[in-house]
Structure formats: structure tokens, C-alpha cells
PDB file of N, CA and C in Angstrom:
ATOM      1  N   UNK A   1     -16.228  12.729  -4.038  1.00  0.00           N
ATOM      2  CA  UNK A   1     -14.802  12.701  -3.754  1.00  0.00           C
ATOM      3  C   UNK A   1     -14.107  13.741  -4.630  1.00  0.00           C
ATOM      4  N   UNK A   2     -13.107  14.363  -4.030  1.00  0.00           N
ATOM      5  CA  UNK A   2     -12.324  15.375  -4.730  1.00  0.00           C
ATOM      6  C   UNK A   2     -10.849  14.995  -4.626  1.00  0.00           C
ATOM      7  N   UNK A   3     -10.131  15.166  -5.723  1.00  0.00           N
ATOM      8  CA  UNK A   3      -8.714  14.794  -5.767  1.00  0.00           C
ATOM      9  C   UNK A   3      -7.853  16.029  -5.967  1.00  0.00           C
ATOM     10  N   UNK A   4      -6.823  16.135  -5.131  1.00  0.00           N
ATOM     11  CA  UNK A   4      -5.869  17.230  -5.259  1.00  0.00           C
ATOM     12  C   UNK A   4      -5.021  17.004  -6.502  1.00  0.00           C
ATOM     13  N   UNK A   5      -4.960  17.997  -7.354  1.00  0.00           N
ATOM     14  CA  UNK A   5      -4.170  17.897  -8.576  1.00  0.00           C
ATOM     15  C   UNK A   5      -2.685  18.042  -8.353  1.00  0.00           C
ATOM     16  N   UNK A   6      -2.289  18.432  -7.152  1.00  0.00           N
ATOM     17  CA  UNK A   6      -0.872  18.602  -6.836  1.00  0.00           C
ATOM     18  C   UNK A   6      -0.281  17.315  -6.269  1.00  0.00           C
ATOM     19  N   UNK A   7      -0.931  16.748  -5.245  1.00  0.00           N
ATOM     20  CA  UNK A   7      -0.340  15.587  -4.557  1.00  0.00           C
ATOM     21  C   UNK A   7      -1.158  14.300  -4.675  1.00  0.00           C
ATOM     22  N   UNK A   8      -2.398  14.387  -5.170  1.00  0.00           N
ATOM     23  CA  UNK A   8      -3.215  13.184  -5.321  1.00  0.00           C
ATOM     24  C   UNK A   8      -4.081  12.835  -4.129  1.00  0.00           C
ATOM     25  N   UNK A   9      -4.046  13.651  -3.079  1.00  0.00           N
ATOM     26  CA  UNK A   9      -4.874  13.410  -1.897  1.00  0.00           C
ATOM     27  C   UNK A   9      -6.333  13.357  -2.312  1.00  0.00           C
ATOM     28  N   UNK A  10      -7.080  12.389  -1.766  1.00  0.00           N
ATOM     29  CA  UNK A  10      -8.502  12.272  -2.058  1.00  0.00           C
ATOM     30  C   UNK A  10      -9.293  12.683  -0.826  1.00  0.00           C
ATOM     31  N   UNK A  11     -10.178  13.660  -1.041  1.00  0.00           N
ATOM     32  CA  UNK A  11     -11.022  14.186   0.029  1.00  0.00           C
ATOM     33  C   UNK A  11     -12.449  13.710  -0.203  1.00  0.00           C
ATOM     34  N   UNK A  12     -13.080  13.247   0.884  1.00  0.00           N
ATOM     35  CA  UNK A  12     -14.483  12.852   0.796  1.00  0.00           C
ATOM     36  C   UNK A  12     -15.328  13.932   1.431  1.00  0.00           C
ATOM     37  N   UNK A  13     -16.319  14.390   0.704  1.00  0.00           N
ATOM     38  CA  UNK A  13     -17.208  15.424   1.208  1.00  0.00           C
ATOM     39  C   UNK A  13     -17.992  16.038   0.079  1.00  0.00           C
ATOM     40  N   UNK A  14     -18.845  16.974   0.432  1.00  0.00           N
ATOM     41  CA  UNK A  14     -19.697  17.614  -0.577  1.00  0.00           C
ATOM     42  C   UNK A  14     -18.958  18.702  -1.345  1.00  0.00           C
ATOM     43  N   UNK A  15     -17.808  19.129  -0.836  1.00  0.00           N
ATOM     44  CA  UNK A  15     -16.989  20.132  -1.513  1.00  0.00           C
ATOM     45  C   UNK A  15     -15.520  19.866  -1.185  1.00  0.00           C
ATOM     46  N   UNK A  16     -14.662  20.354  -2.035  1.00  0.00           N
ATOM     47  CA  UNK A  16     -13.221  20.228  -1.789  1.00  0.00           C
ATOM     48  C   UNK A  16     -12.844  21.077  -0.581  1.00  0.00           C
ATOM     49  N   UNK A  17     -11.817  20.695   0.167  1.00  0.00           N
ATOM     50  CA  UNK A  17     -11.392  21.514   1.309  1.00  0.00           C
ATOM     51  C   UNK A  17     -10.786  22.837   0.834  1.00  0.00           C
ATOM     52  N   UNK A  18     -10.740  23.799   1.716  1.00  0.00           N
ATOM     53  CA  UNK A  18     -10.160  25.102   1.388  1.00  0.00           C
ATOM     54  C   UNK A  18      -8.697  24.935   0.991  1.00  0.00           C
ATOM     55  N   UNK A  19      -7.990  24.106   1.725  1.00  0.00           N
ATOM     56  CA  UNK A  19      -6.594  23.773   1.415  1.00  0.00           C
ATOM     57  C   UNK A  19      -6.409  22.276   1.571  1.00  0.00           C
ATOM     58  N   UNK A  20      -5.552  21.713   0.772  1.00  0.00           N
ATOM     59  CA  UNK A  20      -5.262  20.281   0.857  1.00  0.00           C
ATOM     60  C   UNK A  20      -4.613  19.978   2.202  1.00  0.00           C
ATOM     61  N   UNK A  21      -5.159  19.007   2.937  1.00  0.00           N
ATOM     62  CA  UNK A  21      -4.564  18.641   4.227  1.00  0.00           C
ATOM     63  C   UNK A  21      -3.149  18.077   4.101  1.00  0.00           C
ATOM     64  N   UNK A  22      -2.818  17.544   2.934  1.00  0.00           N
ATOM     65  CA  UNK A  22      -1.497  16.932   2.764  1.00  0.00           C
ATOM     66  C   UNK A  22      -0.450  17.941   2.313  1.00  0.00           C
ATOM     67  N   UNK A  23      -0.759  18.681   1.233  1.00  0.00           N
ATOM     68  CA  UNK A  23       0.269  19.548   0.652  1.00  0.00           C
ATOM     69  C   UNK A  23      -0.029  21.037   0.772  1.00  0.00           C
ATOM     70  N   UNK A  24      -1.239  21.384   1.206  1.00  0.00           N
ATOM     71  CA  UNK A  24      -1.584  22.789   1.382  1.00  0.00           C
ATOM     72  C   UNK A  24      -2.075  23.493   0.130  1.00  0.00           C
ATOM     73  N   UNK A  25      -2.211  22.763  -0.972  1.00  0.00           N
ATOM     74  CA  UNK A  25      -2.673  23.371  -2.224  1.00  0.00           C
ATOM     75  C   UNK A  25      -4.060  23.992  -2.022  1.00  0.00           C
ATOM     76  N   UNK A  26      -4.343  25.081  -2.730  1.00  0.00           N
ATOM     77  CA  UNK A  26      -5.649  25.732  -2.573  1.00  0.00           C
ATOM     78  C   UNK A  26      -6.776  24.902  -3.206  1.00  0.00           C
ATOM     79  N   UNK A  27      -7.996  25.223  -2.801  1.00  0.00           N
ATOM     80  CA  UNK A  27      -9.194  24.488  -3.224  1.00  0.00           C
ATOM     81  C   UNK A  27      -9.300  24.361  -4.742  1.00  0.00           C
ATOM     82  N   UNK A  28      -8.888  25.385  -5.471  1.00  0.00           N
ATOM     83  CA  UNK A  28      -9.031  25.332  -6.938  1.00  0.00           C
ATOM     84  C   UNK A  28      -8.149  24.277  -7.599  1.00  0.00           C
ATOM     85  N   UNK A  29      -7.222  23.711  -6.866  1.00  0.00           N
ATOM     86  CA  UNK A  29      -6.385  22.629  -7.389  1.00  0.00           C
ATOM     87  C   UNK A  29      -7.084  21.266  -7.312  1.00  0.00           C
ATOM     88  N   UNK A  30      -8.256  21.218  -6.655  1.00  0.00           N
ATOM     89  CA  UNK A  30      -9.017  19.974  -6.533  1.00  0.00           C
ATOM     90  C   UNK A  30      -9.972  19.823  -7.702  1.00  0.00           C
ATOM     91  N   UNK A  31     -10.164  18.579  -8.112  1.00  0.00           N
ATOM     92  CA  UNK A  31     -11.187  18.274  -9.114  1.00  0.00           C
ATOM     93  C   UNK A  31     -12.064  17.156  -8.559  1.00  0.00           C
ATOM     94  N   UNK A  32     -13.331  17.222  -8.911  1.00  0.00           N
ATOM     95  CA  UNK A  32     -14.268  16.205  -8.434  1.00  0.00           C
ATOM     96  C   UNK A  32     -14.093  14.938  -9.270  1.00  0.00           C
ATOM     97  N   UNK A  33     -14.000  13.799  -8.582  1.00  0.00           N
ATOM     98  CA  UNK A  33     -13.888  12.526  -9.296  1.00  0.00           C
ATOM     99  C   UNK A  33     -15.219  12.185  -9.943  1.00  0.00           C
ATOM    100  N   UNK A  34     -15.135  11.546 -11.092  1.00  0.00           N
ATOM    101  CA  UNK A  34     -16.357  11.058 -11.710  1.00  0.00           C
ATOM    102  C   UNK A  34     -16.940   9.969 -10.819  1.00  0.00           C
ATOM    103  N   UNK A  35     -18.202   9.665 -11.028  1.00  0.00           N
ATOM    104  CA  UNK A  35     -18.829   8.605 -10.237  1.00  0.00           C
ATOM    105  C   UNK A  35     -18.093   7.280 -10.449  1.00  0.00           C
ATOM    106  N   UNK A  36     -17.681   7.034 -11.675  1.00  0.00           N
ATOM    107  CA  UNK A  36     -16.945   5.796 -11.981  1.00  0.00           C
ATOM    108  C   UNK A  36     -15.611   5.743 -11.228  1.00  0.00           C
ATOM    109  N   UNK A  37     -14.875   6.850 -11.227  1.00  0.00           N
ATOM    110  CA  UNK A  37     -13.583   6.891 -10.530  1.00  0.00           C
ATOM    111  C   UNK A  37     -13.776   6.754  -9.024  1.00  0.00           C
ATOM    112  N   UNK A  38     -14.799   7.405  -8.481  1.00  0.00           N
ATOM    113  CA  UNK A  38     -15.072   7.304  -7.046  1.00  0.00           C
ATOM    114  C   UNK A  38     -15.448   5.883  -6.662  1.00  0.00           C
ATOM    115  N   UNK A  39     -16.248   5.228  -7.492  1.00  0.00           N
ATOM    116  CA  UNK A  39     -16.620   3.830  -7.234  1.00  0.00           C
ATOM    117  C   UNK A  39     -15.402   2.921  -7.271  1.00  0.00           C
ATOM    118  N   UNK A  40     -14.483   3.188  -8.188  1.00  0.00           N
ATOM    119  CA  UNK A  40     -13.252   2.395  -8.283  1.00  0.00           C
ATOM    120  C   UNK A  40     -12.424   2.536  -7.009  1.00  0.00           C
ATOM    121  N   UNK A  41     -12.327   3.746  -6.494  1.00  0.00           N
ATOM    122  CA  UNK A  41     -11.597   3.972  -5.242  1.00  0.00           C
ATOM    123  C   UNK A  41     -12.266   3.209  -4.109  1.00  0.00           C
ATOM    124  N   UNK A  42     -13.587   3.321  -4.010  1.00  0.00           N
ATOM    125  CA  UNK A  42     -14.336   2.628  -2.948  1.00  0.00           C
ATOM    126  C   UNK A  42     -14.129   1.116  -3.026  1.00  0.00           C
ATOM    127  N   UNK A  43     -14.263   0.552  -4.211  1.00  0.00           N
ATOM    128  CA  UNK A  43     -14.137  -0.898  -4.371  1.00  0.00           C
ATOM    129  C   UNK A  43     -12.743  -1.397  -4.032  1.00  0.00           C
ATOM    130  N   UNK A  44     -11.740  -0.592  -4.295  1.00  0.00           N
ATOM    131  CA  UNK A  44     -10.364  -1.045  -4.092  1.00  0.00           C
ATOM    132  C   UNK A  44      -9.874  -0.893  -2.654  1.00  0.00           C
ATOM    133  N   UNK A  45     -10.591  -0.169  -1.829  1.00  0.00           N
ATOM    134  CA  UNK A  45     -10.112   0.095  -0.468  1.00  0.00           C
ATOM    135  C   UNK A  45      -9.908  -1.177   0.345  1.00  0.00           C
ATOM    136  N   UNK A  46     -10.812  -2.129   0.233  1.00  0.00           N
ATOM    137  CA  UNK A  46     -10.675  -3.374   1.006  1.00  0.00           C
ATOM    138  C   UNK A  46      -9.400  -4.106   0.586  1.00  0.00           C
ATOM    139  N   UNK A  47      -9.221  -4.272  -0.715  1.00  0.00           N
ATOM    140  CA  UNK A  47      -8.040  -4.982  -1.215  1.00  0.00           C
ATOM    141  C   UNK A  47      -6.762  -4.230  -0.855  1.00  0.00           C
ATOM    142  N   UNK A  48      -6.775  -2.923  -1.001  1.00  0.00           N
ATOM    143  CA  UNK A  48      -5.586  -2.141  -0.656  1.00  0.00           C
ATOM    144  C   UNK A  48      -5.230  -2.295   0.817  1.00  0.00           C
ATOM    145  N   UNK A  49      -6.241  -2.271   1.693  1.00  0.00           N
ATOM    146  CA  UNK A  49      -5.984  -2.469   3.119  1.00  0.00           C
ATOM    147  C   UNK A  49      -5.391  -3.848   3.394  1.00  0.00           C
ATOM    148  N   UNK A  50      -5.891  -4.858   2.696  1.00  0.00           N
ATOM    149  CA  UNK A  50      -5.347  -6.212   2.865  1.00  0.00           C
ATOM    150  C   UNK A  50      -3.891  -6.241   2.433  1.00  0.00           C
ATOM    151  N   UNK A  51      -3.579  -5.613   1.314  1.00  0.00           N
ATOM    152  CA  UNK A  51      -2.185  -5.565   0.843  1.00  0.00           C
ATOM    153  C   UNK A  51      -1.279  -4.919   1.892  1.00  0.00           C
ATOM    154  N   UNK A  52      -1.722  -3.814   2.461  1.00  0.00           N
ATOM    155  CA  UNK A  52      -0.911  -3.110   3.459  1.00  0.00           C
ATOM    156  C   UNK A  52      -0.703  -3.986   4.694  1.00  0.00           C
ATOM    157  N   UNK A  53      -1.757  -4.659   5.134  1.00  0.00           N
ATOM    158  CA  UNK A  53      -1.629  -5.554   6.288  1.00  0.00           C
ATOM    159  C   UNK A  53      -0.683  -6.712   5.982  1.00  0.00           C
ATOM    160  N   UNK A  54      -0.762  -7.242   4.767  1.00  0.00           N
ATOM    161  CA  UNK A  54       0.123  -8.344   4.392  1.00  0.00           C
ATOM    162  C   UNK A  54       1.580  -7.888   4.355  1.00  0.00           C
ATOM    163  N   UNK A  55       1.826  -6.651   3.922  1.00  0.00           N
ATOM    164  CA  UNK A  55       3.193  -6.127   3.956  1.00  0.00           C
ATOM    165  C   UNK A  55       3.744  -6.143   5.374  1.00  0.00           C
ATOM    166  N   UNK A  56       2.936  -5.737   6.335  1.00  0.00           N
ATOM    167  CA  UNK A  56       3.383  -5.727   7.735  1.00  0.00           C
ATOM    168  C   UNK A  56       3.683  -7.146   8.213  1.00  0.00           C
ATOM    169  N   UNK A  57       2.835  -8.094   7.855  1.00  0.00           N
ATOM    170  CA  UNK A  57       3.057  -9.493   8.245  1.00  0.00           C
ATOM    171  C   UNK A  57       4.348 -10.009   7.616  1.00  0.00           C
ATOM    172  N   UNK A  58       4.555  -9.702   6.346  1.00  0.00           N
ATOM    173  CA  UNK A  58       5.766 -10.180   5.676  1.00  0.00           C
ATOM    174  C   UNK A  58       7.023  -9.574   6.281  1.00  0.00           C
ATOM    175  N   UNK A  59       6.966  -8.325   6.717  1.00  0.00           N
ATOM    176  CA  UNK A  59       8.120  -7.724   7.402  1.00  0.00           C
ATOM    177  C   UNK A  59       8.437  -8.510   8.671  1.00  0.00           C
ATOM    178  N   UNK A  60       7.405  -8.926   9.395  1.00  0.00           N
ATOM    179  CA  UNK A  60       7.614  -9.739  10.597  1.00  0.00           C
ATOM    180  C   UNK A  60       8.192 -11.101  10.247  1.00  0.00           C
ATOM    181  N   UNK A  61       7.709 -11.706   9.171  1.00  0.00           N
ATOM    182  CA  UNK A  61       8.226 -13.010   8.733  1.00  0.00           C
ATOM    183  C   UNK A  61       9.714 -12.889   8.398  1.00  0.00           C
ATOM    184  N   UNK A  62      10.081 -11.848   7.685  1.00  0.00           N
ATOM    185  CA  UNK A  62      11.490 -11.637   7.328  1.00  0.00           C
ATOM    186  C   UNK A  62      12.335 -11.486   8.591  1.00  0.00           C
ATOM    187  N   UNK A  63      11.870 -10.693   9.536  1.00  0.00           N
ATOM    188  CA  UNK A  63      12.619 -10.491  10.785  1.00  0.00           C
ATOM    189  C   UNK A  63      12.758 -11.790  11.567  1.00  0.00           C
ATOM    190  N   UNK A  64      11.688 -12.588  11.624  1.00  0.00           N
ATOM    191  CA  UNK A  64      11.755 -13.868  12.333  1.00  0.00           C
ATOM    192  C   UNK A  64      12.709 -14.839  11.640  1.00  0.00           C
ATOM    193  N   UNK A  65      12.671 -14.871  10.324  1.00  0.00           N
ATOM    194  CA  UNK A  65      13.582 -15.754   9.585  1.00  0.00           C
ATOM    195  C   UNK A  65      15.032 -15.343   9.829  1.00  0.00           C
ATOM    196  N   UNK A  66      15.287 -14.052   9.862  1.00  0.00           N
ATOM    197  CA  UNK A  66      16.653 -13.575  10.136  1.00  0.00           C
ATOM    198  C   UNK A  66      17.077 -13.944  11.558  1.00  0.00           C
ATOM    199  N   UNK A  67      16.152 -13.813  12.497  1.00  0.00           N
ATOM    200  CA  UNK A  67      16.447 -14.183  13.880  1.00  0.00           C
ATOM    201  C   UNK A  67      16.749 -15.674  13.983  1.00  0.00           C
ATOM    202  N   UNK A  68      15.951 -16.490  13.332  1.00  0.00           N
ATOM    203  CA  UNK A  68      16.190 -17.932  13.338  1.00  0.00           C
ATOM    204  C   UNK A  68      17.518 -18.289  12.701  1.00  0.00           C
ATOM    205  N   UNK A  69      17.845 -17.592  11.622  1.00  0.00           N
ATOM    206  CA  UNK A  69      19.110 -17.856  10.911  1.00  0.00           C
ATOM    207  C   UNK A  69      20.303 -17.513  11.791  1.00  0.00           C
ATOM    208  N   UNK A  70      20.167 -16.455  12.584  1.00  0.00           N
ATOM    209  CA  UNK A  70      21.255 -16.055  13.481  1.00  0.00           C
ATOM    210  C   UNK A  70      21.539 -17.120  14.529  1.00  0.00           C
ATOM    211  N   UNK A  71      20.517 -17.903  14.891  1.00  0.00           N
ATOM    212  CA  UNK A  71      20.725 -18.983  15.865  1.00  0.00           C
ATOM    213  C   UNK A  71      21.607 -20.077  15.285  1.00  0.00           C
ATOM    214  N   UNK A  72      21.556 -20.254  13.975  1.00  0.00           N
ATOM    215  CA  UNK A  72      22.424 -21.210  13.267  1.00  0.00           C
ATOM    216  C   UNK A  72      22.422 -22.588  13.930  1.00  0.00           C
ATOM    217  N   UNK A  73      21.191 -23.087  14.223  1.00  0.00           N
ATOM    218  CA  UNK A  73      21.065 -24.354  14.942  1.00  0.00           C
ATOM    219  C   UNK A  73      21.578 -25.529  14.118  1.00  0.00           C
ATOM    220  N   UNK A  74      21.070 -25.662  12.903  1.00  0.00           N
ATOM    221  CA  UNK A  74      21.547 -26.745  12.041  1.00  0.00           C
ATOM    222  C   UNK A  74      21.201 -26.419  10.595  1.00  0.00           C
ATOM    223  N   UNK A  75      21.806 -27.141   9.641  1.00  0.00           N
ATOM    224  CA  UNK A  75      21.573 -26.847   8.219  1.00  0.00           C
ATOM    225  C   UNK A  75      20.099 -26.929   7.807  1.00  0.00           C
ATOM    226  N   UNK A  76      19.340 -27.840   8.381  1.00  0.00           N
ATOM    227  CA  UNK A  76      17.921 -27.955   8.029  1.00  0.00           C
ATOM    228  C   UNK A  76      17.139 -26.720   8.413  1.00  0.00           C
ATOM    229  N   UNK A  77      17.368 -26.248   9.629  1.00  0.00           N
ATOM    230  CA  UNK A  77      16.707 -25.021  10.079  1.00  0.00           C
ATOM    231  C   UNK A  77      17.125 -23.835   9.212  1.00  0.00           C
ATOM    232  N   UNK A  78      18.410 -23.732   8.959  1.00  0.00           N
ATOM    233  CA  UNK A  78      18.906 -22.612   8.152  1.00  0.00           C
ATOM    234  C   UNK A  78      18.268 -22.611   6.765  1.00  0.00           C
ATOM    235  N   UNK A  79      18.121 -23.791   6.178  1.00  0.00           N
ATOM    236  CA  UNK A  79      17.516 -23.908   4.850  1.00  0.00           C
ATOM    237  C   UNK A  79      16.067 -23.405   4.876  1.00  0.00           C
ATOM    238  N   UNK A  80      15.326 -23.792   5.910  1.00  0.00           N
ATOM    239  CA  UNK A  80      13.931 -23.349   6.040  1.00  0.00           C
ATOM    240  C   UNK A  80      13.873 -21.829   6.218  1.00  0.00           C
ATOM    241  N   UNK A  81      14.696 -21.299   7.124  1.00  0.00           N
ATOM    242  CA  UNK A  81      14.685 -19.855   7.358  1.00  0.00           C
ATOM    243  C   UNK A  81      15.066 -19.073   6.101  1.00  0.00           C
ATOM    244  N   UNK A  82      16.072 -19.545   5.374  1.00  0.00           N
ATOM    245  CA  UNK A  82      16.482 -18.866   4.141  1.00  0.00           C
ATOM    246  C   UNK A  82      15.374 -18.893   3.095  1.00  0.00           C
ATOM    247  N   UNK A  83      14.728 -20.039   2.934  1.00  0.00           N
ATOM    248  CA  UNK A  83      13.659 -20.169   1.936  1.00  0.00           C
ATOM    249  C   UNK A  83      12.466 -19.273   2.285  1.00  0.00           C
ATOM    250  N   UNK A  84      12.102 -19.278   3.563  1.00  0.00           N
ATOM    251  CA  UNK A  84      10.975 -18.445   3.993  1.00  0.00           C
ATOM    252  C   UNK A  84      11.299 -16.967   3.801  1.00  0.00           C
ATOM    253  N   UNK A  85      12.497 -16.551   4.173  1.00  0.00           N
ATOM    254  CA  UNK A  85      12.880 -15.152   4.000  1.00  0.00           C
ATOM    255  C   UNK A  85      12.832 -14.762   2.529  1.00  0.00           C
ATOM    256  N   UNK A  86      13.398 -15.592   1.660  1.00  0.00           N
ATOM    257  CA  UNK A  86      13.415 -15.285   0.231  1.00  0.00           C
ATOM    258  C   UNK A  86      12.004 -15.190  -0.335  1.00  0.00           C
ATOM    259  N   UNK A  87      11.131 -16.110   0.059  1.00  0.00           N
ATOM    260  CA  UNK A  87       9.744 -16.063  -0.410  1.00  0.00           C
ATOM    261  C   UNK A  87       9.036 -14.815   0.096  1.00  0.00           C
ATOM    262  N   UNK A  88       9.245 -14.478   1.354  1.00  0.00           N
ATOM    263  CA  UNK A  88       8.607 -13.294   1.927  1.00  0.00           C
ATOM    264  C   UNK A  88       9.063 -12.030   1.204  1.00  0.00           C
ATOM    265  N   UNK A  89      10.346 -11.964   0.863  1.00  0.00           N
ATOM    266  CA  UNK A  89      10.863 -10.799   0.127  1.00  0.00           C
ATOM    267  C   UNK A  89      10.212 -10.726  -1.250  1.00  0.00           C
ATOM    268  N   UNK A  90      10.082 -11.853  -1.941  1.00  0.00           N
ATOM    269  CA  UNK A  90       9.440 -11.863  -3.265  1.00  0.00           C
ATOM    270  C   UNK A  90       7.983 -11.442  -3.172  1.00  0.00           C
ATOM    271  N   UNK A  91       7.253 -11.965  -2.188  1.00  0.00           N
ATOM    272  CA  UNK A  91       5.855 -11.584  -2.026  1.00  0.00           C
ATOM    273  C   UNK A  91       5.724 -10.105  -1.657  1.00  0.00           C
ATOM    274  N   UNK A  92       6.616  -9.634  -0.818  1.00  0.00           N
ATOM    275  CA  UNK A  92       6.603  -8.217  -0.438  1.00  0.00           C
ATOM    276  C   UNK A  92       6.759  -7.334  -1.673  1.00  0.00           C
ATOM    277  N   UNK A  93       7.706  -7.688  -2.532  1.00  0.00           N
ATOM    278  CA  UNK A  93       7.925  -6.896  -3.739  1.00  0.00           C
ATOM    279  C   UNK A  93       6.741  -7.000  -4.703  1.00  0.00           C
ATOM    280  N   UNK A  94       6.122  -8.168  -4.770  1.00  0.00           N
ATOM    281  CA  UNK A  94       4.938  -8.335  -5.616  1.00  0.00           C
ATOM    282  C   UNK A  94       3.794  -7.462  -5.134  1.00  0.00           C
ATOM    283  N   UNK A  95       3.606  -7.408  -3.831  1.00  0.00           N
ATOM    284  CA  UNK A  95       2.546  -6.566  -3.265  1.00  0.00           C
ATOM    285  C   UNK A  95       2.839  -5.102  -3.555  1.00  0.00           C
ATOM    286  N   UNK A  96       4.076  -4.679  -3.406  1.00  0.00           N
ATOM    287  CA  UNK A  96       4.425  -3.288  -3.699  1.00  0.00           C
ATOM    288  C   UNK A  96       4.143  -2.952  -5.160  1.00  0.00           C
ATOM    289  N   UNK A  97       4.453  -3.874  -6.054  1.00  0.00           N
ATOM    290  CA  UNK A  97       4.174  -3.654  -7.478  1.00  0.00           C
ATOM    291  C   UNK A  97       2.669  -3.575  -7.729  1.00  0.00           C
ATOM    292  N   UNK A  98       1.903  -4.410  -7.052  1.00  0.00           N
ATOM    293  CA  UNK A  98       0.445  -4.391  -7.201  1.00  0.00           C
ATOM    294  C   UNK A  98      -0.124  -3.072  -6.688  1.00  0.00           C
ATOM    295  N   UNK A  99       0.371  -2.606  -5.549  1.00  0.00           N
ATOM    296  CA  UNK A  99      -0.090  -1.323  -5.007  1.00  0.00           C
ATOM    297  C   UNK A  99       0.258  -0.192  -5.978  1.00  0.00           C
ATOM    298  N   UNK A 100       1.452  -0.235  -6.537  1.00  0.00           N
ATOM    299  CA  UNK A 100       1.848   0.788  -7.523  1.00  0.00           C
ATOM    300  C   UNK A 100       0.900   0.765  -8.712  1.00  0.00           C
ATOM    301  N   UNK A 101       0.524  -0.429  -9.155  1.00  0.00           N
ATOM    302  CA  UNK A 101      -0.437  -0.551 -10.249  1.00  0.00           C
ATOM    303  C   UNK A 101      -1.784   0.036  -9.879  1.00  0.00           C
ATOM    304  N   UNK A 102      -2.236  -0.228  -8.658  1.00  0.00           N
ATOM    305  CA  UNK A 102      -3.508   0.344  -8.197  1.00  0.00           C
ATOM    306  C   UNK A 102      -3.426   1.873  -8.213  1.00  0.00           C
ATOM    307  N   UNK A 103      -2.311   2.407  -7.742  1.00  0.00           N
ATOM    308  CA  UNK A 103      -2.162   3.857  -7.690  1.00  0.00           C
ATOM    309  C   UNK A 103      -2.182   4.455  -9.091  1.00  0.00           C
ATOM    310  N   UNK A 104      -1.499   3.827 -10.021  1.00  0.00           N
ATOM    311  CA  UNK A 104      -1.438   4.378 -11.384  1.00  0.00           C
ATOM    312  C   UNK A 104      -2.780   4.283 -12.106  1.00  0.00           C
ATOM    313  N   UNK A 105      -3.646   3.375 -11.655  1.00  0.00           N
ATOM    314  CA  UNK A 105      -4.974   3.216 -12.263  1.00  0.00           C
ATOM    315  C   UNK A 105      -6.060   3.960 -11.495  1.00  0.00           C
ATOM    316  N   UNK A 106      -5.656   4.751 -10.488  1.00  0.00           N
ATOM    317  CA  UNK A 106      -6.623   5.510  -9.719  1.00  0.00           C
ATOM    318  C   UNK A 106      -7.404   4.672  -8.722  1.00  0.00           C
ATOM    319  N   UNK A 107      -6.896   3.478  -8.411  1.00  0.00           N
ATOM    320  CA  UNK A 107      -7.586   2.587  -7.470  1.00  0.00           C
ATOM    321  C   UNK A 107      -6.962   2.679  -6.072  1.00  0.00           C
ATOM    322  N   UNK A 108      -6.717   3.891  -5.648  1.00  0.00           N
ATOM    323  CA  UNK A 108      -6.130   4.111  -4.331  1.00  0.00           C
ATOM    324  C   UNK A 108      -6.703   5.399  -3.786  1.00  0.00           C
ATOM    325  N   UNK A 109      -7.037   5.403  -2.520  1.00  0.00           N
ATOM    326  CA  UNK A 109      -7.519   6.661  -1.977  1.00  0.00           C
ATOM    327  C   UNK A 109      -8.196   6.499  -0.654  1.00  0.00           C
TER     328      UNK A 109
END
């Protein structure tokens, strides 16, 4: 694996690309990841994908809770929709923070 020193793009292959597919940086801006760093990226891919999928689900939960709240059927329903929306927003932000942590530790790619 090779990492672009300009934008962080990770390329898999036996050599760095001539130009970065993301930012266009030349090949000399790439550095080869150590075996340890490459293994960390590989191991984290499953978890990172799960986080991304959960973000999409939580966005749907928030939208559904807002839709239910707009119906304003009764106080009990509104309470449930408000609680679910608030929890989904908190979990969404927690996932974003976790992804940011993965990125800062090189566990993304």
C-alpha cells in the first residue's frame, strides 16, 4: 500500500500510481506504508464500513422520527419520536468521532 503525502489517498498495488487519483499529486509524493500500517488499514476496513452503514441507517431513523413528529398524533407518540431522534443524533455524532479517531490513527483507507 502507498499513501499520498498530499491528500492521504491509499493506493493498493506493487507501486505508487503515476499521479494520485484523488488530488493529482505526482508519484514521488507517495510513500509505502509499513507492513504494520498496512495491516492496521486492512483490519479496520470491516469496522469502518459498518460505521458508514450505521450512519446511513441513523440518518433514516432521524428522518422517520421527524416525519412521525410532524403527524403530531398524540403526546406519547411525540415523546417516542423525540427520544429516538435525540438518541440517533447522539449515536451519529459518536460514530463520526470514532471515524475521526480511526483516521487520525491511520486506521482508514
